Amino acid sequence: MEHDPIAQRWAPYPEASRFSGLSQRLLEDLVKDGLIVSSLARRPGCVRGVRLVELSSLDAYIRSGINGKTDMAALQRKRKGGAR
């Protein structure tokens, strides 16, 4: 009997970065801003753990930018050294 491969649902930042092409820093910011879902997996009573990104929320975030328009005025201000 053949088994269907299980689709990966969660990944740590380095793997999520490779999956998406986005930097780990940007992923951290997206999590902080609530734009993608993450979870801190750790044993009860432990301080440290591993932060995992839900890949479906990351994929949905990336898909939300399809056919998105660039804010050309903001890009031009940035090139000229102006404030946001």
PDB file of N, CA and C in Angstrom:
ATOM      1  N   MET A   1       0.844  -1.179   0.000  1.00  0.00           N
ATOM      2  CA  MET A   1       0.000   0.000   0.000  1.00  0.00           C
ATOM      3  C   MET A   1       0.893   1.247   0.000  1.00  0.00           C
ATOM      4  N   GLU A   2       0.631   2.144  -0.921  1.00  0.00           N
ATOM      5  CA  GLU A   2       1.415   3.353  -1.043  1.00  0.00           C
ATOM      6  C   GLU A   2       0.765   4.476  -0.234  1.00  0.00           C
ATOM      7  N   HIS A   3       1.584   5.281   0.413  1.00  0.00           N
ATOM      8  CA  HIS A   3       1.074   6.396   1.215  1.00  0.00           C
ATOM      9  C   HIS A   3       1.301   7.710   0.481  1.00  0.00           C
ATOM     10  N   ASP A   4       0.343   8.594   0.599  1.00  0.00           N
ATOM     11  CA  ASP A   4       0.512   9.936   0.052  1.00  0.00           C
ATOM     12  C   ASP A   4       1.499  10.691   0.935  1.00  0.00           C
ATOM     13  N   PRO A   5       2.374  11.500   0.329  1.00  0.00           N
ATOM     14  CA  PRO A   5       3.293  12.288   1.157  1.00  0.00           C
ATOM     15  C   PRO A   5       2.507  13.302   1.985  1.00  0.00           C
ATOM     16  N   ILE A   6       2.980  13.529   3.166  1.00  0.00           N
ATOM     17  CA  ILE A   6       2.340  14.501   4.047  1.00  0.00           C
ATOM     18  C   ILE A   6       2.897  15.878   3.740  1.00  0.00           C
ATOM     19  N   ALA A   7       2.007  16.813   3.472  1.00  0.00           N
ATOM     20  CA  ALA A   7       2.436  18.182   3.198  1.00  0.00           C
ATOM     21  C   ALA A   7       2.914  18.823   4.499  1.00  0.00           C
ATOM     22  N   GLN A   8       4.072  19.448   4.425  1.00  0.00           N
ATOM     23  CA  GLN A   8       4.619  20.119   5.600  1.00  0.00           C
ATOM     24  C   GLN A   8       3.763  21.334   5.928  1.00  0.00           C
ATOM     25  N   ARG A   9       3.405  21.490   7.199  1.00  0.00           N
ATOM     26  CA  ARG A   9       2.540  22.592   7.617  1.00  0.00           C
ATOM     27  C   ARG A   9       3.287  23.676   8.379  1.00  0.00           C
ATOM     28  N   TRP A  10       4.353  23.313   9.079  1.00  0.00           N
ATOM     29  CA  TRP A  10       5.092  24.252   9.926  1.00  0.00           C
ATOM     30  C   TRP A  10       6.579  24.153   9.621  1.00  0.00           C
ATOM     31  N   ALA A  11       7.303  25.262   9.798  1.00  0.00           N
ATOM     32  CA  ALA A  11       8.748  25.253   9.566  1.00  0.00           C
ATOM     33  C   ALA A  11       9.403  26.319  10.438  1.00  0.00           C
ATOM     34  N   PRO A  12      10.627  26.058  10.904  1.00  0.00           N
ATOM     35  CA  PRO A  12      11.373  27.100  11.614  1.00  0.00           C
ATOM     36  C   PRO A  12      11.766  28.212  10.642  1.00  0.00           C
ATOM     37  N   TYR A  13      12.165  29.359  11.181  1.00  0.00           N
ATOM     38  CA  TYR A  13      12.486  30.512  10.333  1.00  0.00           C
ATOM     39  C   TYR A  13      13.445  30.206   9.181  1.00  0.00           C
ATOM     40  N   PRO A  14      14.573  29.507   9.412  1.00  0.00           N
ATOM     41  CA  PRO A  14      15.485  29.292   8.283  1.00  0.00           C
ATOM     42  C   PRO A  14      14.829  28.514   7.127  1.00  0.00           C
ATOM     43  N   GLU A  15      14.060  27.510   7.456  1.00  0.00           N
ATOM     44  CA  GLU A  15      13.397  26.717   6.419  1.00  0.00           C
ATOM     45  C   GLU A  15      12.273  27.515   5.754  1.00  0.00           C
ATOM     46  N   ALA A  16      11.526  28.278   6.542  1.00  0.00           N
ATOM     47  CA  ALA A  16      10.462  29.124   5.980  1.00  0.00           C
ATOM     48  C   ALA A  16      11.059  30.180   5.057  1.00  0.00           C
ATOM     49  N   SER A  17      12.251  30.644   5.400  1.00  0.00           N
ATOM     50  CA  SER A  17      12.943  31.617   4.552  1.00  0.00           C
ATOM     51  C   SER A  17      13.312  30.990   3.215  1.00  0.00           C
ATOM     52  N   ARG A  18      13.840  29.770   3.231  1.00  0.00           N
ATOM     53  CA  ARG A  18      14.168  29.071   1.987  1.00  0.00           C
ATOM     54  C   ARG A  18      12.908  28.775   1.177  1.00  0.00           C
ATOM     55  N   PHE A  19      11.829  28.399   1.850  1.00  0.00           N
ATOM     56  CA  PHE A  19      10.553  28.092   1.206  1.00  0.00           C
ATOM     57  C   PHE A  19      10.012  29.307   0.447  1.00  0.00           C
ATOM     58  N   SER A  20      10.133  30.477   1.073  1.00  0.00           N
ATOM     59  CA  SER A  20       9.485  31.670   0.537  1.00  0.00           C
ATOM     60  C   SER A  20      10.400  32.594  -0.251  1.00  0.00           C
ATOM     61  N   GLY A  21      11.703  32.543   0.038  1.00  0.00           N
ATOM     62  CA  GLY A  21      12.614  33.509  -0.569  1.00  0.00           C
ATOM     63  C   GLY A  21      12.676  34.814   0.198  1.00  0.00           C
ATOM     64  N   LEU A  22      11.958  34.899   1.313  1.00  0.00           N
ATOM     65  CA  LEU A  22      11.967  36.097   2.149  1.00  0.00           C
ATOM     66  C   LEU A  22      13.015  35.934   3.247  1.00  0.00           C
ATOM     67  N   SER A  23      13.586  37.037   3.705  1.00  0.00           N
ATOM     68  CA  SER A  23      14.600  36.959   4.746  1.00  0.00           C
ATOM     69  C   SER A  23      13.973  36.544   6.079  1.00  0.00           C
ATOM     70  N   GLN A  24      14.796  35.980   6.948  1.00  0.00           N
ATOM     71  CA  GLN A  24      14.313  35.603   8.270  1.00  0.00           C
ATOM     72  C   GLN A  24      13.855  36.840   9.036  1.00  0.00           C
ATOM     73  N   ARG A  25      14.545  37.947   8.866  1.00  0.00           N
ATOM     74  CA  ARG A  25      14.171  39.192   9.543  1.00  0.00           C
ATOM     75  C   ARG A  25      12.772  39.653   9.100  1.00  0.00           C
ATOM     76  N   LEU A  26      12.501  39.583   7.798  1.00  0.00           N
ATOM     77  CA  LEU A  26      11.180  39.966   7.300  1.00  0.00           C
ATOM     78  C   LEU A  26      10.120  39.023   7.852  1.00  0.00           C
ATOM     79  N   LEU A  27      10.420  37.739   7.917  1.00  0.00           N
ATOM     80  CA  LEU A  27       9.470  36.781   8.489  1.00  0.00           C
ATOM     81  C   LEU A  27       9.171  37.130   9.942  1.00  0.00           C
ATOM     82  N   GLU A  28      10.201  37.474  10.712  1.00  0.00           N
ATOM     83  CA  GLU A  28      10.000  37.879  12.112  1.00  0.00           C
ATOM     84  C   GLU A  28       9.075  39.094  12.187  1.00  0.00           C
ATOM     85  N   ASP A  29       9.301  40.064  11.309  1.00  0.00           N
ATOM     86  CA  ASP A  29       8.455  41.264  11.289  1.00  0.00           C
ATOM     87  C   ASP A  29       7.016  40.932  10.914  1.00  0.00           C
ATOM     88  N   LEU A  30       6.833  40.041   9.954  1.00  0.00           N
ATOM     89  CA  LEU A  30       5.480  39.656   9.544  1.00  0.00           C
ATOM     90  C   LEU A  30       4.752  38.958  10.689  1.00  0.00           C
ATOM     91  N   VAL A  31       5.473  38.141  11.453  1.00  0.00           N
ATOM     92  CA  VAL A  31       4.874  37.482  12.624  1.00  0.00           C
ATOM     93  C   VAL A  31       4.489  38.529  13.660  1.00  0.00           C
ATOM     94  N   LYS A  32       5.410  39.455  13.963  1.00  0.00           N
ATOM     95  CA  LYS A  32       5.139  40.503  14.958  1.00  0.00           C
ATOM     96  C   LYS A  32       3.939  41.352  14.564  1.00  0.00           C
ATOM     97  N   ASP A  33       3.796  41.601  13.251  1.00  0.00           N
ATOM     98  CA  ASP A  33       2.684  42.417  12.759  1.00  0.00           C
ATOM     99  C   ASP A  33       1.394  41.616  12.600  1.00  0.00           C
ATOM    100  N   GLY A  34       1.442  40.317  12.885  1.00  0.00           N
ATOM    101  CA  GLY A  34       0.254  39.477  12.788  1.00  0.00           C
ATOM    102  C   GLY A  34      -0.157  39.151  11.365  1.00  0.00           C
ATOM    103  N   LEU A  35       0.773  39.273  10.420  1.00  0.00           N
ATOM    104  CA  LEU A  35       0.445  39.026   9.020  1.00  0.00           C
ATOM    105  C   LEU A  35       0.627  37.567   8.621  1.00  0.00           C
ATOM    106  N   ILE A  36       1.428  36.824   9.396  1.00  0.00           N
ATOM    107  CA  ILE A  36       1.533  35.384   9.217  1.00  0.00           C
ATOM    108  C   ILE A  36       1.458  34.736  10.597  1.00  0.00           C
ATOM    109  N   VAL A  37       1.093  33.463  10.631  1.00  0.00           N
ATOM    110  CA  VAL A  37       0.869  32.737  11.876  1.00  0.00           C
ATOM    111  C   VAL A  37       2.147  32.013  12.293  1.00  0.00           C
ATOM    112  N   SER A  38       2.435  32.067  13.596  1.00  0.00           N
ATOM    113  CA  SER A  38       3.568  31.316  14.127  1.00  0.00           C
ATOM    114  C   SER A  38       3.203  30.753  15.490  1.00  0.00           C
ATOM    115  N   SER A  39       4.032  29.827  15.949  1.00  0.00           N
ATOM    116  CA  SER A  39       3.830  29.224  17.259  1.00  0.00           C
ATOM    117  C   SER A  39       5.192  28.967  17.880  1.00  0.00           C
ATOM    118  N   LEU A  40       5.272  29.143  19.186  1.00  0.00           N
ATOM    119  CA  LEU A  40       6.496  28.814  19.906  1.00  0.00           C
ATOM    120  C   LEU A  40       6.312  27.427  20.503  1.00  0.00           C
ATOM    121  N   ALA A  41       7.010  26.454  19.924  1.00  0.00           N
ATOM    122  CA  ALA A  41       6.920  25.075  20.401  1.00  0.00           C
ATOM    123  C   ALA A  41       7.985  24.864  21.471  1.00  0.00           C
ATOM    124  N   ARG A  42       7.530  24.542  22.694  1.00  0.00           N
ATOM    125  CA  ARG A  42       8.468  24.288  23.789  1.00  0.00           C
ATOM    126  C   ARG A  42       7.826  23.381  24.813  1.00  0.00           C
ATOM    127  N   ARG A  43       8.650  22.734  25.576  1.00  0.00           N
ATOM    128  CA  ARG A  43       8.166  21.853  26.640  1.00  0.00           C
ATOM    129  C   ARG A  43       7.632  22.698  27.794  1.00  0.00           C
ATOM    130  N   PRO A  44       6.637  22.186  28.495  1.00  0.00           N
ATOM    131  CA  PRO A  44       6.117  22.919  29.651  1.00  0.00           C
ATOM    132  C   PRO A  44       7.235  23.201  30.654  1.00  0.00           C
ATOM    133  N   GLY A  45       7.276  24.417  31.136  1.00  0.00           N
ATOM    134  CA  GLY A  45       8.278  24.823  32.119  1.00  0.00           C
ATOM    135  C   GLY A  45       9.581  25.293  31.511  1.00  0.00           C
ATOM    136  N   CYS A  46       9.782  25.098  30.231  1.00  0.00           N
ATOM    137  CA  CYS A  46      11.016  25.533  29.575  1.00  0.00           C
ATOM    138  C   CYS A  46      10.875  26.969  29.087  1.00  0.00           C
ATOM    139  N   VAL A  47      11.973  27.687  29.131  1.00  0.00           N
ATOM    140  CA  VAL A  47      11.989  29.062  28.656  1.00  0.00           C
ATOM    141  C   VAL A  47      12.220  29.107  27.146  1.00  0.00           C
ATOM    142  N   ARG A  48      13.101  28.249  26.675  1.00  0.00           N
ATOM    143  CA  ARG A  48      13.456  28.245  25.252  1.00  0.00           C
ATOM    144  C   ARG A  48      12.621  27.236  24.477  1.00  0.00           C
ATOM    145  N   GLY A  49      12.515  27.487  23.205  1.00  0.00           N
ATOM    146  CA  GLY A  49      11.802  26.586  22.312  1.00  0.00           C
ATOM    147  C   GLY A  49      12.178  26.930  20.887  1.00  0.00           C
ATOM    148  N   VAL A  50      11.371  26.532  19.963  1.00  0.00           N
ATOM    149  CA  VAL A  50      11.616  26.856  18.554  1.00  0.00           C
ATOM    150  C   VAL A  50      10.368  27.543  17.985  1.00  0.00           C
ATOM    151  N   ARG A  51      10.588  28.658  17.322  1.00  0.00           N
ATOM    152  CA  ARG A  51       9.500  29.404  16.695  1.00  0.00           C
ATOM    153  C   ARG A  51       9.237  28.785  15.330  1.00  0.00           C
ATOM    154  N   LEU A  52       8.005  28.374  15.093  1.00  0.00           N
ATOM    155  CA  LEU A  52       7.607  27.756  13.833  1.00  0.00           C
ATOM    156  C   LEU A  52       6.633  28.656  13.096  1.00  0.00           C
ATOM    157  N   VAL A  53       6.780  28.715  11.795  1.00  0.00           N
ATOM    158  CA  VAL A  53       5.901  29.507  10.930  1.00  0.00           C
ATOM    159  C   VAL A  53       4.933  28.554  10.248  1.00  0.00           C
ATOM    160  N   GLU A  54       3.652  28.914  10.245  1.00  0.00           N
ATOM    161  CA  GLU A  54       2.654  28.127   9.523  1.00  0.00           C
ATOM    162  C   GLU A  54       2.800  28.450   8.039  1.00  0.00           C
ATOM    163  N   LEU A  55       3.227  27.465   7.267  1.00  0.00           N
ATOM    164  CA  LEU A  55       3.538  27.707   5.858  1.00  0.00           C
ATOM    165  C   LEU A  55       2.316  28.114   5.041  1.00  0.00           C
ATOM    166  N   SER A  56       1.135  27.633   5.401  1.00  0.00           N
ATOM    167  CA  SER A  56      -0.057  28.033   4.636  1.00  0.00           C
ATOM    168  C   SER A  56      -0.357  29.520   4.817  1.00  0.00           C
ATOM    169  N   SER A  57      -0.110  30.064   6.021  1.00  0.00           N
ATOM    170  CA  SER A  57      -0.336  31.501   6.223  1.00  0.00           C
ATOM    171  C   SER A  57       0.718  32.314   5.480  1.00  0.00           C
ATOM    172  N   LEU A  58       1.940  31.789   5.412  1.00  0.00           N
ATOM    173  CA  LEU A  58       3.000  32.456   4.656  1.00  0.00           C
ATOM    174  C   LEU A  58       2.659  32.449   3.170  1.00  0.00           C
ATOM    175  N   ASP A  59       2.188  31.326   2.675  1.00  0.00           N
ATOM    176  CA  ASP A  59       1.782  31.225   1.278  1.00  0.00           C
ATOM    177  C   ASP A  59       0.632  32.186   0.981  1.00  0.00           C
ATOM    178  N   ALA A  60      -0.334  32.262   1.894  1.00  0.00           N
ATOM    179  CA  ALA A  60      -1.475  33.173   1.703  1.00  0.00           C
ATOM    180  C   ALA A  60      -1.010  34.626   1.682  1.00  0.00           C
ATOM    181  N   TYR A  61      -0.051  34.960   2.554  1.00  0.00           N
ATOM    182  CA  TYR A  61       0.484  36.326   2.575  1.00  0.00           C
ATOM    183  C   TYR A  61       1.141  36.649   1.229  1.00  0.00           C
ATOM    184  N   ILE A  62       1.950  35.732   0.736  1.00  0.00           N
ATOM    185  CA  ILE A  62       2.618  35.955  -0.546  1.00  0.00           C
ATOM    186  C   ILE A  62       1.585  36.068  -1.667  1.00  0.00           C
ATOM    187  N   ARG A  63       0.579  35.198  -1.655  1.00  0.00           N
ATOM    188  CA  ARG A  63      -0.476  35.244  -2.683  1.00  0.00           C
ATOM    189  C   ARG A  63      -1.258  36.555  -2.634  1.00  0.00           C
ATOM    190  N   SER A  64      -1.372  37.166  -1.472  1.00  0.00           N
ATOM    191  CA  SER A  64      -2.120  38.422  -1.356  1.00  0.00           C
ATOM    192  C   SER A  64      -1.453  39.549  -2.140  1.00  0.00           C
ATOM    193  N   GLY A  65      -0.181  39.380  -2.474  1.00  0.00           N
ATOM    194  CA  GLY A  65       0.526  40.403  -3.236  1.00  0.00           C
ATOM    195  C   GLY A  65       0.450  40.216  -4.743  1.00  0.00           C
ATOM    196  N   ILE A  66      -0.189  39.131  -5.192  1.00  0.00           N
ATOM    197  CA  ILE A  66      -0.303  38.900  -6.632  1.00  0.00           C
ATOM    198  C   ILE A  66      -1.119  40.036  -7.246  1.00  0.00           C
ATOM    199  N   ASN A  67      -0.597  40.564  -8.322  1.00  0.00           N
ATOM    200  CA  ASN A  67      -1.204  41.699  -9.034  1.00  0.00           C
ATOM    201  C   ASN A  67      -1.232  42.969  -8.190  1.00  0.00           C
ATOM    202  N   GLY A  68      -0.429  42.998  -7.126  1.00  0.00           N
ATOM    203  CA  GLY A  68      -0.348  44.198  -6.297  1.00  0.00           C
ATOM    204  C   GLY A  68       0.406  45.293  -7.025  1.00  0.00           C
ATOM    205  N   LYS A  69       0.104  46.502  -6.663  1.00  0.00           N
ATOM    206  CA  LYS A  69       0.750  47.648  -7.292  1.00  0.00           C
ATOM    207  C   LYS A  69       1.830  48.192  -6.362  1.00  0.00           C
ATOM    208  N   THR A  70       2.891  48.659  -6.959  1.00  0.00           N
ATOM    209  CA  THR A  70       3.989  49.246  -6.214  1.00  0.00           C
ATOM    210  C   THR A  70       3.679  50.708  -5.942  1.00  0.00           C
ATOM    211  N   ASP A  71       4.027  51.164  -4.758  1.00  0.00           N
ATOM    212  CA  ASP A  71       3.861  52.572  -4.406  1.00  0.00           C
ATOM    213  C   ASP A  71       5.074  53.327  -4.952  1.00  0.00           C
ATOM    214  N   MET A  72       4.969  53.771  -6.194  1.00  0.00           N
ATOM    215  CA  MET A  72       6.092  54.423  -6.863  1.00  0.00           C
ATOM    216  C   MET A  72       6.527  55.697  -6.154  1.00  0.00           C
ATOM    217  N   ALA A  73       5.591  56.450  -5.612  1.00  0.00           N
ATOM    218  CA  ALA A  73       5.954  57.693  -4.915  1.00  0.00           C
ATOM    219  C   ALA A  73       6.842  57.387  -3.714  1.00  0.00           C
ATOM    220  N   ALA A  74       6.516  56.338  -2.966  1.00  0.00           N
ATOM    221  CA  ALA A  74       7.324  55.964  -1.804  1.00  0.00           C
ATOM    222  C   ALA A  74       8.714  55.514  -2.236  1.00  0.00           C
ATOM    223  N   LEU A  75       8.796  54.747  -3.325  1.00  0.00           N
ATOM    224  CA  LEU A  75      10.103  54.307  -3.825  1.00  0.00           C
ATOM    225  C   LEU A  75      10.958  55.489  -4.266  1.00  0.00           C
ATOM    226  N   GLN A  76      10.350  56.468  -4.919  1.00  0.00           N
ATOM    227  CA  GLN A  76      11.094  57.642  -5.363  1.00  0.00           C
ATOM    228  C   GLN A  76      11.581  58.472  -4.185  1.00  0.00           C
ATOM    229  N   ARG A  77      10.747  58.615  -3.147  1.00  0.00           N
ATOM    230  CA  ARG A  77      11.175  59.349  -1.944  1.00  0.00           C
ATOM    231  C   ARG A  77      12.350  58.634  -1.284  1.00  0.00           C
ATOM    232  N   LYS A  78      12.283  57.317  -1.245  1.00  0.00           N
ATOM    233  CA  LYS A  78      13.360  56.543  -0.623  1.00  0.00           C
ATOM    234  C   LYS A  78      14.661  56.728  -1.395  1.00  0.00           C
ATOM    235  N   ARG A  79      14.597  56.710  -2.706  1.00  0.00           N
ATOM    236  CA  ARG A  79      15.798  56.890  -3.538  1.00  0.00           C
ATOM    237  C   ARG A  79      16.407  58.273  -3.341  1.00  0.00           C
ATOM    238  N   LYS A  80      15.568  59.275  -3.123  1.00  0.00           N
ATOM    239  CA  LYS A  80      16.051  60.637  -2.926  1.00  0.00           C
ATOM    240  C   LYS A  80      16.473  60.896  -1.480  1.00  0.00           C
ATOM    241  N   GLY A  81      16.287  59.881  -0.611  1.00  0.00           N
ATOM    242  CA  GLY A  81      16.679  60.039   0.781  1.00  0.00           C
ATOM    243  C   GLY A  81      15.631  60.719   1.629  1.00  0.00           C
ATOM    244  N   GLY A  82      14.427  60.817   1.126  1.00  0.00           N
ATOM    245  CA  GLY A  82      13.337  61.455   1.868  1.00  0.00           C
ATOM    246  C   GLY A  82      12.724  60.506   2.882  1.00  0.00           C
ATOM    247  N   ALA A  83      11.954  61.070   3.783  1.00  0.00           N
ATOM    248  CA  ALA A  83      11.262  60.287   4.788  1.00  0.00           C
ATOM    249  C   ALA A  83      10.066  59.573   4.168  1.00  0.00           C
ATOM    250  N   ARG A  84       9.584  58.561   4.893  1.00  0.00           N
ATOM    251  CA  ARG A  84       8.415  57.805   4.420  1.00  0.00           C
ATOM    252  C   ARG A  84       7.185  58.615   4.474  1.00  0.00           C
TER     253      ARG A  84
END
